[in-house]
Amino acid sequence: MKIGILGSGLMGATLGRLWAACGHDVTFAYARSEEKLARLARQCGAAHGSIAHAVEGADALLLAVHWSRVPDVLEQAGSLDGQVVLNCCVPLNDQNTQLVVGTTSSGAEELAKRRPGARWVACFNTTPSESFDPVFARKGGANPPQVLTYGDDAAAKDIAGGLIRDIGFAPLEAGGLQNARFIEPFALATVELAYVQPGGPALVYHFEKLGG
């Protein structure tokens, strides 16, 4: 599968590297320097280039930038009509302390308004990037940790689900994009659990229904 990674921070770099390890054709785009993109590509045996290059012909895209960078990325990406876009962004302020969109709308819904022709799926935004390598190393074991996955396009969610499983997680169906109004705030709870409470940042979760 051809995957364009729009963003080279911890989320984009780690997921792109692991998808490349799974044999996917990965292209990294959007960084503060061309050197960083080139280094990532060399380390992963992947490609790098402009956002337009990463978008062209991609089977799936990952949007993985700070909320403040979203307008710039979307402008360079174009219409995105018909393209599957996995969104792991949380609409945070510049200090990463507060949501700037919430309860009556959500970051996911605002993105869909900006690019209504894209096939949006939100995922990975409640899972710290530090958990990806340990989960990947244990892939194939029983009861994999889950990733909340939500969107309005069932076929796009199927594609996202395959990529989530490639990392070693299980996609947990969490409904439509409107549910982002409640799931995005949960990302701040995972920040507290991963980065403030003791035990390290490699946090995962597993919801379970007890029958009946």
N, C-alpha and C. Protein backbone atom coordinates (compact mmCIF):
# COMPACT_ATOMS: atom_id res chain seq x y z
N MET A 1 0.84 -1.19 0.00
CA MET A 1 0.00 0.00 0.00
C MET A 1 0.88 1.24 0.00
N LYS A 2 0.52 2.24 -0.78
CA LYS A 2 1.26 3.49 -0.82
C LYS A 2 0.68 4.44 0.23
N ILE A 3 1.54 4.87 1.17
CA ILE A 3 1.10 5.69 2.29
C ILE A 3 1.90 6.98 2.32
N GLY A 4 1.20 8.10 2.36
CA GLY A 4 1.84 9.40 2.51
C GLY A 4 1.75 9.87 3.96
N ILE A 5 2.88 10.21 4.55
CA ILE A 5 2.93 10.66 5.93
C ILE A 5 3.09 12.18 5.93
N LEU A 6 2.04 12.87 6.33
CA LEU A 6 2.05 14.34 6.34
C LEU A 6 2.37 14.80 7.75
N GLY A 7 3.65 14.94 8.03
CA GLY A 7 4.11 15.29 9.37
C GLY A 7 5.23 14.36 9.81
N SER A 8 6.29 14.93 10.37
CA SER A 8 7.47 14.13 10.69
C SER A 8 7.83 14.18 12.17
N GLY A 9 6.85 14.49 13.02
CA GLY A 9 7.06 14.43 14.46
C GLY A 9 7.04 13.00 14.95
N LEU A 10 6.87 12.82 16.26
CA LEU A 10 6.93 11.48 16.83
C LEU A 10 5.87 10.55 16.24
N MET A 11 4.65 11.05 16.09
CA MET A 11 3.57 10.21 15.54
C MET A 11 3.88 9.80 14.11
N GLY A 12 4.08 10.79 13.24
CA GLY A 12 4.29 10.49 11.84
C GLY A 12 5.54 9.67 11.59
N ALA A 13 6.64 10.04 12.25
CA ALA A 13 7.90 9.34 12.04
C ALA A 13 7.81 7.88 12.48
N THR A 14 7.20 7.65 13.64
CA THR A 14 7.15 6.28 14.16
C THR A 14 6.20 5.41 13.36
N LEU A 15 5.01 5.91 13.08
CA LEU A 15 4.07 5.11 12.30
C LEU A 15 4.59 4.86 10.89
N GLY A 16 5.17 5.88 10.28
CA GLY A 16 5.74 5.68 8.94
C GLY A 16 6.84 4.64 8.94
N ARG A 17 7.71 4.70 9.93
CA ARG A 17 8.80 3.72 10.02
C ARG A 17 8.27 2.30 10.18
N LEU A 18 7.26 2.13 11.02
CA LEU A 18 6.72 0.78 11.26
C LEU A 18 5.94 0.28 10.05
N TRP A 19 5.20 1.16 9.39
CA TRP A 19 4.51 0.72 8.17
C TRP A 19 5.50 0.36 7.08
N ALA A 20 6.60 1.09 6.99
CA ALA A 20 7.64 0.72 6.03
C ALA A 20 8.21 -0.66 6.36
N ALA A 21 8.38 -0.94 7.66
CA ALA A 21 8.88 -2.24 8.08
C ALA A 21 7.92 -3.37 7.71
N CYS A 22 6.63 -3.02 7.58
CA CYS A 22 5.62 -4.00 7.16
C CYS A 22 5.61 -4.21 5.65
N GLY A 23 6.41 -3.43 4.93
CA GLY A 23 6.47 -3.57 3.48
C GLY A 23 5.67 -2.56 2.70
N HIS A 24 5.06 -1.59 3.37
CA HIS A 24 4.31 -0.56 2.67
C HIS A 24 5.26 0.45 2.01
N ASP A 25 4.79 1.07 0.96
CA ASP A 25 5.53 2.08 0.22
C ASP A 25 5.24 3.44 0.88
N VAL A 26 6.16 3.90 1.72
CA VAL A 26 5.93 5.08 2.56
C VAL A 26 6.68 6.29 1.99
N THR A 27 6.00 7.43 1.97
CA THR A 27 6.63 8.70 1.61
C THR A 27 6.43 9.70 2.75
N PHE A 28 7.52 10.23 3.28
CA PHE A 28 7.45 11.24 4.33
C PHE A 28 7.41 12.64 3.71
N ALA A 29 6.59 13.50 4.29
CA ALA A 29 6.50 14.88 3.83
C ALA A 29 6.24 15.79 5.03
N TYR A 30 6.65 17.02 4.89
CA TYR A 30 6.38 18.10 5.84
C TYR A 30 7.23 17.99 7.10
N ALA A 31 8.31 18.78 7.11
CA ALA A 31 9.20 18.87 8.27
C ALA A 31 9.82 20.25 8.28
N ARG A 32 10.46 20.59 9.37
CA ARG A 32 11.13 21.89 9.48
C ARG A 32 12.35 21.96 8.56
N SER A 33 12.89 20.80 8.20
CA SER A 33 14.04 20.80 7.31
C SER A 33 13.99 19.61 6.37
N GLU A 34 14.53 19.79 5.18
CA GLU A 34 14.63 18.70 4.22
C GLU A 34 15.55 17.60 4.74
N GLU A 35 16.54 18.00 5.52
CA GLU A 35 17.47 17.01 6.09
C GLU A 35 16.75 16.00 6.96
N LYS A 36 15.79 16.47 7.76
CA LYS A 36 15.06 15.56 8.63
C LYS A 36 14.28 14.54 7.82
N LEU A 37 13.60 15.00 6.77
CA LEU A 37 12.85 14.09 5.91
C LEU A 37 13.78 13.07 5.26
N ALA A 38 14.93 13.55 4.76
CA ALA A 38 15.87 12.65 4.11
C ALA A 38 16.40 11.61 5.09
N ARG A 39 16.67 12.04 6.31
CA ARG A 39 17.17 11.10 7.33
C ARG A 39 16.13 10.04 7.65
N LEU A 40 14.88 10.46 7.84
CA LEU A 40 13.81 9.50 8.09
C LEU A 40 13.68 8.49 6.96
N ALA A 41 13.71 9.01 5.76
CA ALA A 41 13.57 8.12 4.60
C ALA A 41 14.72 7.11 4.53
N ARG A 42 15.94 7.57 4.78
CA ARG A 42 17.09 6.66 4.75
C ARG A 42 16.96 5.58 5.82
N GLN A 43 16.56 5.99 7.00
CA GLN A 43 16.45 5.03 8.11
C GLN A 43 15.40 3.95 7.84
N CYS A 44 14.38 4.31 7.07
CA CYS A 44 13.25 3.40 6.87
C CYS A 44 13.26 2.71 5.52
N GLY A 45 14.17 3.09 4.63
CA GLY A 45 14.09 2.59 3.27
C GLY A 45 12.86 3.12 2.57
N ALA A 46 12.48 4.36 2.91
CA ALA A 46 11.28 4.98 2.37
C ALA A 46 11.67 6.15 1.47
N ALA A 47 10.66 6.86 0.98
CA ALA A 47 10.86 8.03 0.14
C ALA A 47 10.51 9.29 0.93
N HIS A 48 10.89 10.44 0.39
CA HIS A 48 10.48 11.70 0.98
C HIS A 48 10.29 12.72 -0.13
N GLY A 49 9.53 13.76 0.16
CA GLY A 49 9.29 14.78 -0.84
C GLY A 49 8.29 15.80 -0.35
N SER A 50 7.71 16.53 -1.28
CA SER A 50 6.71 17.54 -0.96
C SER A 50 5.41 16.88 -0.55
N ILE A 51 4.53 17.67 0.04
CA ILE A 51 3.20 17.16 0.37
C ILE A 51 2.47 16.71 -0.88
N ALA A 52 2.57 17.50 -1.94
CA ALA A 52 1.90 17.13 -3.19
C ALA A 52 2.40 15.78 -3.69
N HIS A 53 3.70 15.53 -3.56
CA HIS A 53 4.28 14.25 -3.99
C HIS A 53 3.75 13.11 -3.12
N ALA A 54 3.66 13.33 -1.81
CA ALA A 54 3.18 12.28 -0.90
C ALA A 54 1.71 11.97 -1.14
N VAL A 55 0.93 12.99 -1.50
CA VAL A 55 -0.51 12.81 -1.70
C VAL A 55 -0.81 12.09 -3.01
N GLU A 56 -0.04 12.39 -4.04
CA GLU A 56 -0.34 11.87 -5.37
C GLU A 56 -0.28 10.35 -5.40
N GLY A 57 -1.39 9.74 -5.76
CA GLY A 57 -1.46 8.29 -5.91
C GLY A 57 -1.47 7.51 -4.62
N ALA A 58 -1.56 8.17 -3.47
CA ALA A 58 -1.52 7.45 -2.19
C ALA A 58 -2.80 6.66 -1.97
N ASP A 59 -2.64 5.46 -1.42
CA ASP A 59 -3.81 4.67 -1.02
C ASP A 59 -4.35 5.14 0.32
N ALA A 60 -3.48 5.72 1.13
CA ALA A 60 -3.89 6.28 2.43
C ALA A 60 -2.89 7.36 2.82
N LEU A 61 -3.38 8.34 3.55
CA LEU A 61 -2.55 9.41 4.08
C LEU A 61 -2.69 9.43 5.59
N LEU A 62 -1.63 9.85 6.27
CA LEU A 62 -1.69 10.08 7.71
C LEU A 62 -1.43 11.57 7.94
N LEU A 63 -2.40 12.25 8.55
CA LEU A 63 -2.22 13.65 8.94
C LEU A 63 -1.75 13.66 10.38
N ALA A 64 -0.49 14.09 10.59
CA ALA A 64 0.13 13.98 11.91
C ALA A 64 0.95 15.23 12.20
N VAL A 65 0.25 16.36 12.31
CA VAL A 65 0.92 17.63 12.62
C VAL A 65 0.21 18.31 13.77
N HIS A 66 0.88 19.30 14.37
CA HIS A 66 0.22 20.10 15.39
C HIS A 66 -0.95 20.84 14.76
N TRP A 67 -1.99 21.07 15.56
CA TRP A 67 -3.20 21.71 15.04
C TRP A 67 -2.90 23.04 14.37
N SER A 68 -1.92 23.77 14.87
CA SER A 68 -1.58 25.07 14.30
C SER A 68 -1.02 24.95 12.89
N ARG A 69 -0.54 23.77 12.51
CA ARG A 69 0.04 23.56 11.19
C ARG A 69 -0.96 23.02 10.17
N VAL A 70 -2.14 22.66 10.63
CA VAL A 70 -3.12 22.03 9.75
C VAL A 70 -3.47 22.90 8.53
N PRO A 71 -3.76 24.20 8.68
CA PRO A 71 -4.10 24.99 7.50
C PRO A 71 -3.01 24.97 6.43
N ASP A 72 -1.75 25.06 6.83
CA ASP A 72 -0.65 25.03 5.87
C ASP A 72 -0.58 23.69 5.15
N VAL A 73 -0.73 22.61 5.89
CA VAL A 73 -0.67 21.28 5.28
C VAL A 73 -1.82 21.08 4.29
N LEU A 74 -3.03 21.45 4.69
CA LEU A 74 -4.17 21.27 3.81
C LEU A 74 -4.05 22.11 2.55
N GLU A 75 -3.53 23.31 2.69
CA GLU A 75 -3.34 24.15 1.51
C GLU A 75 -2.40 23.49 0.51
N GLN A 76 -1.33 22.89 1.01
CA GLN A 76 -0.38 22.23 0.12
C GLN A 76 -0.92 20.90 -0.41
N ALA A 77 -1.82 20.27 0.34
CA ALA A 77 -2.34 18.96 -0.05
C ALA A 77 -3.40 19.04 -1.14
N GLY A 78 -4.07 20.18 -1.27
CA GLY A 78 -5.11 20.29 -2.27
C GLY A 78 -6.45 19.77 -1.78
N SER A 79 -7.28 19.33 -2.70
CA SER A 79 -8.68 18.99 -2.36
C SER A 79 -8.81 17.71 -1.55
N LEU A 80 -7.90 16.74 -1.77
CA LEU A 80 -7.95 15.41 -1.13
C LEU A 80 -9.22 14.64 -1.47
N ASP A 81 -9.90 15.02 -2.52
CA ASP A 81 -11.15 14.34 -2.89
C ASP A 81 -10.91 12.86 -3.12
N GLY A 82 -11.72 12.05 -2.45
CA GLY A 82 -11.68 10.60 -2.62
C GLY A 82 -10.56 9.90 -1.89
N GLN A 83 -9.71 10.62 -1.19
CA GLN A 83 -8.57 9.99 -0.56
C GLN A 83 -8.85 9.64 0.90
N VAL A 84 -8.35 8.49 1.31
CA VAL A 84 -8.47 8.05 2.70
C VAL A 84 -7.43 8.79 3.52
N VAL A 85 -7.88 9.51 4.55
CA VAL A 85 -6.96 10.27 5.40
C VAL A 85 -7.16 9.85 6.84
N LEU A 86 -6.11 9.26 7.42
CA LEU A 86 -6.12 8.94 8.84
C LEU A 86 -5.65 10.19 9.59
N ASN A 87 -6.46 10.63 10.53
CA ASN A 87 -6.16 11.84 11.29
C ASN A 87 -5.85 11.49 12.72
N CYS A 88 -4.63 11.83 13.16
CA CYS A 88 -4.30 11.61 14.58
C CYS A 88 -4.09 12.94 15.30
N CYS A 89 -4.53 14.03 14.69
CA CYS A 89 -4.38 15.35 15.31
C CYS A 89 -5.41 15.57 16.41
N VAL A 90 -5.01 16.27 17.44
CA VAL A 90 -5.91 16.74 18.49
C VAL A 90 -5.88 18.27 18.44
N PRO A 91 -7.05 18.94 18.47
CA PRO A 91 -7.06 20.40 18.33
C PRO A 91 -6.64 21.13 19.60
N LEU A 92 -5.32 21.19 19.81
CA LEU A 92 -4.76 21.78 21.03
C LEU A 92 -4.21 23.18 20.76
N ASN A 93 -4.14 23.98 21.81
CA ASN A 93 -3.53 25.30 21.71
C ASN A 93 -2.01 25.17 21.56
N ASP A 94 -1.33 26.29 21.42
CA ASP A 94 0.11 26.27 21.18
C ASP A 94 0.89 25.67 22.34
N GLN A 95 0.32 25.73 23.54
CA GLN A 95 0.99 25.16 24.72
C GLN A 95 0.63 23.69 24.95
N ASN A 96 -0.26 23.14 24.09
CA ASN A 96 -0.70 21.75 24.22
C ASN A 96 -1.36 21.47 25.57
N THR A 97 -2.10 22.46 26.07
CA THR A 97 -2.73 22.32 27.39
C THR A 97 -4.25 22.31 27.34
N GLN A 98 -4.84 22.88 26.29
CA GLN A 98 -6.29 23.01 26.20
C GLN A 98 -6.77 22.73 24.79
N LEU A 99 -7.96 22.15 24.69
CA LEU A 99 -8.59 22.01 23.39
C LEU A 99 -9.07 23.37 22.90
N VAL A 100 -8.90 23.64 21.62
CA VAL A 100 -9.41 24.88 21.04
C VAL A 100 -10.71 24.65 20.28
N VAL A 101 -11.11 23.39 20.14
CA VAL A 101 -12.41 23.03 19.57
C VAL A 101 -12.97 21.93 20.46
N GLY A 102 -14.24 22.02 20.82
CA GLY A 102 -14.77 20.94 21.63
C GLY A 102 -16.23 21.08 22.01
N THR A 103 -16.82 19.97 22.31
CA THR A 103 -18.17 19.71 22.83
C THR A 103 -19.29 20.01 21.84
N THR A 104 -19.25 21.15 21.15
CA THR A 104 -20.28 21.41 20.14
C THR A 104 -19.76 21.12 18.74
N SER A 105 -18.48 20.90 18.62
CA SER A 105 -17.85 20.45 17.38
C SER A 105 -16.59 19.71 17.80
N SER A 106 -15.70 19.43 16.86
CA SER A 106 -14.47 18.72 17.17
C SER A 106 -13.45 19.00 16.08
N GLY A 107 -12.21 18.67 16.37
CA GLY A 107 -11.19 18.82 15.35
C GLY A 107 -11.48 17.97 14.13
N ALA A 108 -11.92 16.73 14.36
CA ALA A 108 -12.23 15.83 13.25
C ALA A 108 -13.32 16.40 12.34
N GLU A 109 -14.35 16.96 12.95
CA GLU A 109 -15.45 17.53 12.17
C GLU A 109 -15.01 18.78 11.42
N GLU A 110 -14.15 19.58 12.05
CA GLU A 110 -13.66 20.79 11.38
C GLU A 110 -12.79 20.42 10.18
N LEU A 111 -11.99 19.38 10.29
CA LEU A 111 -11.20 18.92 9.15
C LEU A 111 -12.11 18.46 8.02
N ALA A 112 -13.16 17.73 8.36
CA ALA A 112 -14.09 17.26 7.34
C ALA A 112 -14.80 18.41 6.64
N LYS A 113 -15.05 19.49 7.36
CA LYS A 113 -15.64 20.67 6.73
C LYS A 113 -14.66 21.33 5.76
N ARG A 114 -13.38 21.32 6.12
CA ARG A 114 -12.37 21.96 5.28
C ARG A 114 -12.09 21.15 4.02
N ARG A 115 -12.16 19.84 4.13
CA ARG A 115 -11.93 18.97 2.97
C ARG A 115 -13.04 17.92 2.93
N PRO A 116 -14.25 18.34 2.51
CA PRO A 116 -15.40 17.44 2.56
C PRO A 116 -15.31 16.25 1.62
N GLY A 117 -14.45 16.33 0.62
CA GLY A 117 -14.33 15.21 -0.31
C GLY A 117 -13.41 14.12 0.16
N ALA A 118 -12.65 14.37 1.23
CA ALA A 118 -11.75 13.35 1.76
C ALA A 118 -12.53 12.33 2.58
N ARG A 119 -11.95 11.15 2.70
CA ARG A 119 -12.57 10.06 3.46
C ARG A 119 -11.84 9.96 4.81
N TRP A 120 -12.33 10.72 5.77
CA TRP A 120 -11.62 10.90 7.04
C TRP A 120 -11.86 9.74 8.00
N VAL A 121 -10.79 9.32 8.65
CA VAL A 121 -10.87 8.36 9.75
C VAL A 121 -9.96 8.87 10.86
N ALA A 122 -10.49 9.04 12.05
CA ALA A 122 -9.68 9.46 13.19
C ALA A 122 -9.20 8.23 13.96
N CYS A 123 -7.93 8.22 14.29
CA CYS A 123 -7.35 7.09 15.03
C CYS A 123 -5.99 7.49 15.56
N PHE A 124 -5.48 6.76 16.51
CA PHE A 124 -4.17 6.96 17.13
C PHE A 124 -4.05 8.24 17.96
N ASN A 125 -5.09 9.07 17.99
CA ASN A 125 -4.93 10.34 18.71
C ASN A 125 -5.18 10.21 20.22
N THR A 126 -5.51 9.03 20.68
CA THR A 126 -5.61 8.79 22.13
C THR A 126 -4.59 7.75 22.57
N THR A 127 -3.55 7.55 21.75
CA THR A 127 -2.54 6.53 22.03
C THR A 127 -1.16 7.16 21.93
N PRO A 128 -0.40 7.23 23.01
CA PRO A 128 0.92 7.84 22.95
C PRO A 128 1.85 7.13 21.96
N SER A 129 2.63 7.90 21.23
CA SER A 129 3.52 7.33 20.24
C SER A 129 4.57 6.41 20.86
N GLU A 130 4.88 6.63 22.13
CA GLU A 130 5.88 5.78 22.80
C GLU A 130 5.42 4.33 22.93
N SER A 131 4.14 4.08 22.75
CA SER A 131 3.64 2.70 22.85
C SER A 131 3.80 1.92 21.54
N PHE A 132 4.05 2.61 20.43
CA PHE A 132 3.99 1.95 19.13
C PHE A 132 5.06 0.87 18.97
N ASP A 133 6.30 1.19 19.32
CA ASP A 133 7.37 0.19 19.16
C ASP A 133 7.16 -1.03 20.05
N PRO A 134 6.83 -0.87 21.35
CA PRO A 134 6.59 -2.07 22.17
C PRO A 134 5.43 -2.91 21.65
N VAL A 135 4.37 -2.26 21.18
CA VAL A 135 3.22 -3.01 20.66
C VAL A 135 3.62 -3.74 19.37
N PHE A 136 4.36 -3.07 18.51
CA PHE A 136 4.81 -3.69 17.27
C PHE A 136 5.67 -4.91 17.56
N ALA A 137 6.52 -4.81 18.57
CA ALA A 137 7.40 -5.93 18.93
C ALA A 137 6.61 -7.14 19.41
N ARG A 138 5.43 -6.90 19.95
CA ARG A 138 4.61 -7.99 20.48
C ARG A 138 3.47 -8.37 19.53
N LYS A 139 3.49 -7.86 18.35
CA LYS A 139 2.38 -8.09 17.41
C LYS A 139 2.11 -9.58 17.22
N GLY A 140 0.83 -9.93 17.18
CA GLY A 140 0.44 -11.32 17.00
C GLY A 140 0.05 -12.01 18.28
N GLY A 141 0.25 -11.34 19.42
CA GLY A 141 -0.13 -11.93 20.68
C GLY A 141 -1.63 -11.83 20.93
N ALA A 142 -2.08 -12.49 21.98
CA ALA A 142 -3.50 -12.47 22.32
C ALA A 142 -3.88 -11.12 22.93
N ASN A 143 -5.14 -10.73 22.75
CA ASN A 143 -5.70 -9.51 23.34
C ASN A 143 -4.84 -8.27 23.07
N PRO A 144 -4.67 -7.92 21.80
CA PRO A 144 -3.87 -6.73 21.51
C PRO A 144 -4.51 -5.47 22.07
N PRO A 145 -3.73 -4.46 22.40
CA PRO A 145 -4.31 -3.19 22.84
C PRO A 145 -5.09 -2.54 21.70
N GLN A 146 -5.96 -1.65 22.06
CA GLN A 146 -6.91 -1.10 21.10
C GLN A 146 -6.60 0.35 20.74
N VAL A 147 -7.10 0.73 19.59
CA VAL A 147 -7.04 2.12 19.12
C VAL A 147 -8.46 2.55 18.78
N LEU A 148 -8.96 3.56 19.47
CA LEU A 148 -10.28 4.09 19.15
C LEU A 148 -10.27 4.61 17.72
N THR A 149 -11.24 4.17 16.92
CA THR A 149 -11.26 4.45 15.48
C THR A 149 -12.66 4.90 15.10
N TYR A 150 -12.76 6.09 14.51
CA TYR A 150 -14.10 6.62 14.23
C TYR A 150 -14.10 7.44 12.95
N GLY A 151 -15.24 7.36 12.25
CA GLY A 151 -15.39 8.05 10.97
C GLY A 151 -16.71 7.68 10.36
N ASP A 152 -17.04 8.34 9.26
CA ASP A 152 -18.35 8.14 8.62
C ASP A 152 -18.28 7.29 7.35
N ASP A 153 -17.11 6.83 6.97
CA ASP A 153 -16.92 6.05 5.74
C ASP A 153 -16.46 4.65 6.15
N ALA A 154 -17.35 3.69 6.01
CA ALA A 154 -17.05 2.33 6.49
C ALA A 154 -15.87 1.72 5.75
N ALA A 155 -15.80 1.93 4.43
CA ALA A 155 -14.70 1.34 3.67
C ALA A 155 -13.37 1.97 4.07
N ALA A 156 -13.37 3.27 4.31
CA ALA A 156 -12.14 3.93 4.76
C ALA A 156 -11.72 3.41 6.13
N LYS A 157 -12.71 3.13 7.00
CA LYS A 157 -12.37 2.58 8.32
C LYS A 157 -11.78 1.18 8.19
N ASP A 158 -12.22 0.42 7.19
CA ASP A 158 -11.63 -0.90 6.96
C ASP A 158 -10.15 -0.77 6.59
N ILE A 159 -9.83 0.20 5.73
CA ILE A 159 -8.43 0.43 5.36
C ILE A 159 -7.62 0.84 6.57
N ALA A 160 -8.16 1.78 7.35
CA ALA A 160 -7.48 2.21 8.57
C ALA A 160 -7.28 1.04 9.52
N GLY A 161 -8.29 0.18 9.62
CA GLY A 161 -8.19 -0.97 10.51
C GLY A 161 -7.04 -1.89 10.15
N GLY A 162 -6.83 -2.10 8.84
CA GLY A 162 -5.71 -2.92 8.42
C GLY A 162 -4.37 -2.32 8.81
N LEU A 163 -4.26 -1.00 8.67
CA LEU A 163 -3.01 -0.33 9.03
C LEU A 163 -2.80 -0.32 10.54
N ILE A 164 -3.88 -0.22 11.29
CA ILE A 164 -3.79 -0.30 12.75
C ILE A 164 -3.30 -1.69 13.18
N ARG A 165 -3.84 -2.71 12.55
CA ARG A 165 -3.42 -4.09 12.87
C ARG A 165 -1.96 -4.32 12.48
N ASP A 166 -1.51 -3.67 11.42
CA ASP A 166 -0.11 -3.80 11.02
C ASP A 166 0.83 -3.36 12.13
N ILE A 167 0.43 -2.37 12.92
CA ILE A 167 1.27 -1.88 14.01
C ILE A 167 1.20 -2.83 15.20
N GLY A 168 0.12 -3.63 15.30
CA GLY A 168 -0.03 -4.56 16.40
C GLY A 168 -1.20 -4.27 17.31
N PHE A 169 -1.95 -3.21 16.98
CA PHE A 169 -3.15 -2.87 17.74
C PHE A 169 -4.38 -3.51 17.12
N ALA A 170 -5.50 -3.39 17.80
CA ALA A 170 -6.81 -3.76 17.27
C ALA A 170 -7.65 -2.49 17.16
N PRO A 171 -8.26 -2.24 16.00
CA PRO A 171 -9.15 -1.07 15.91
C PRO A 171 -10.40 -1.29 16.74
N LEU A 172 -10.77 -0.29 17.52
CA LEU A 172 -11.99 -0.36 18.33
C LEU A 172 -13.00 0.60 17.72
N GLU A 173 -14.05 0.07 17.13
CA GLU A 173 -15.08 0.88 16.48
C GLU A 173 -15.71 1.83 17.47
N ALA A 174 -15.62 3.13 17.16
CA ALA A 174 -16.13 4.15 18.08
C ALA A 174 -17.11 5.09 17.40
N GLY A 175 -17.74 4.62 16.31
CA GLY A 175 -18.82 5.38 15.69
C GLY A 175 -18.35 6.39 14.66
N GLY A 176 -19.19 7.42 14.47
CA GLY A 176 -18.95 8.42 13.45
C GLY A 176 -18.05 9.55 13.92
N LEU A 177 -17.73 10.45 12.98
CA LEU A 177 -16.83 11.55 13.30
C LEU A 177 -17.38 12.45 14.41
N GLN A 178 -18.70 12.55 14.52
CA GLN A 178 -19.27 13.41 15.56
C GLN A 178 -18.84 12.98 16.95
N ASN A 179 -18.54 11.70 17.11
CA ASN A 179 -18.10 11.22 18.42
C ASN A 179 -16.73 11.76 18.82
N ALA A 180 -16.05 12.40 17.87
CA ALA A 180 -14.79 13.07 18.22
C ALA A 180 -14.99 14.13 19.29
N ARG A 181 -16.21 14.67 19.40
CA ARG A 181 -16.49 15.67 20.43
C ARG A 181 -16.22 15.13 21.83
N PHE A 182 -16.30 13.83 21.98
CA PHE A 182 -16.11 13.20 23.29
C PHE A 182 -14.79 12.44 23.37
N ILE A 183 -14.30 11.98 22.22
CA ILE A 183 -13.07 11.19 22.20
C ILE A 183 -11.83 12.09 22.26
N GLU A 184 -11.85 13.21 21.56
CA GLU A 184 -10.69 14.10 21.60
C GLU A 184 -10.35 14.60 23.01
N PRO A 185 -11.35 14.93 23.83
CA PRO A 185 -11.01 15.26 25.22
C PRO A 185 -10.36 14.10 25.98
N PHE A 186 -10.72 12.87 25.62
CA PHE A 186 -10.09 11.70 26.25
C PHE A 186 -8.59 11.68 25.99
N ALA A 187 -8.17 12.29 24.87
CA ALA A 187 -6.73 12.36 24.59
C ALA A 187 -5.99 13.08 25.71
N LEU A 188 -6.63 14.08 26.32
CA LEU A 188 -5.97 14.78 27.42
C LEU A 188 -5.89 13.90 28.67
N ALA A 189 -6.86 13.00 28.83
CA ALA A 189 -6.77 12.04 29.93
C ALA A 189 -5.59 11.08 29.71
N THR A 190 -5.37 10.67 28.46
CA THR A 190 -4.24 9.78 28.20
C THR A 190 -2.91 10.51 28.38
N VAL A 191 -2.88 11.81 28.13
CA VAL A 191 -1.68 12.60 28.40
C VAL A 191 -1.35 12.56 29.89
N GLU A 192 -2.35 12.75 30.73
CA GLU A 192 -2.15 12.68 32.18
C GLU A 192 -1.63 11.31 32.59
N LEU A 193 -2.26 10.26 32.07
CA LEU A 193 -1.88 8.90 32.46
C LEU A 193 -0.49 8.54 31.96
N ALA A 194 -0.16 8.99 30.74
CA ALA A 194 1.11 8.59 30.14
C ALA A 194 2.29 9.43 30.60
N TYR A 195 2.09 10.74 30.68
CA TYR A 195 3.23 11.63 30.87
C TYR A 195 3.33 12.25 32.26
N VAL A 196 2.26 12.21 33.03
CA VAL A 196 2.28 12.81 34.36
C VAL A 196 2.35 11.74 35.45
N GLN A 197 1.50 10.73 35.34
CA GLN A 197 1.50 9.67 36.33
C GLN A 197 2.71 8.77 36.14
N PRO A 198 3.15 8.10 37.19
CA PRO A 198 4.35 7.25 37.10
C PRO A 198 4.12 6.03 36.21
N GLY A 199 5.22 5.47 35.75
CA GLY A 199 5.15 4.24 34.97
C GLY A 199 5.61 4.37 33.54
N GLY A 200 5.86 5.58 33.08
CA GLY A 200 6.36 5.78 31.72
C GLY A 200 5.25 6.04 30.72
N PRO A 201 5.61 6.53 29.53
CA PRO A 201 4.62 7.00 28.57
C PRO A 201 4.05 5.93 27.64
N ALA A 202 4.54 4.71 27.67
CA ALA A 202 4.07 3.68 26.74
C ALA A 202 2.72 3.12 27.19
N LEU A 203 1.73 3.98 27.16
CA LEU A 203 0.39 3.64 27.66
C LEU A 203 -0.45 2.98 26.57
N VAL A 204 -1.13 1.90 26.92
CA VAL A 204 -2.12 1.28 26.03
C VAL A 204 -3.38 1.02 26.84
N TYR A 205 -4.45 0.67 26.16
CA TYR A 205 -5.70 0.38 26.85
C TYR A 205 -6.45 -0.72 26.11
N HIS A 206 -7.35 -1.35 26.86
CA HIS A 206 -8.17 -2.44 26.31
C HIS A 206 -9.53 -2.39 26.99
N PHE A 207 -10.54 -2.01 26.23
CA PHE A 207 -11.91 -2.03 26.74
C PHE A 207 -12.50 -3.42 26.52
N GLU A 208 -13.31 -3.85 27.47
CA GLU A 208 -13.88 -5.19 27.37
C GLU A 208 -15.32 -5.18 27.84
N LYS A 209 -16.21 -5.80 27.05
CA LYS A 209 -17.59 -6.00 27.47
C LYS A 209 -17.70 -7.36 28.16
N LEU A 210 -18.36 -7.38 29.27
CA LEU A 210 -18.39 -8.56 30.11
C LEU A 210 -19.58 -9.47 29.86
N GLY A 211 -20.10 -9.40 28.66
CA GLY A 211 -21.18 -10.33 28.28
C GLY A 211 -22.51 -9.93 28.86
N GLY A 212 -23.49 -10.81 28.70
CA GLY A 212 -24.82 -10.54 29.23
C GLY A 212 -25.69 -9.85 28.20
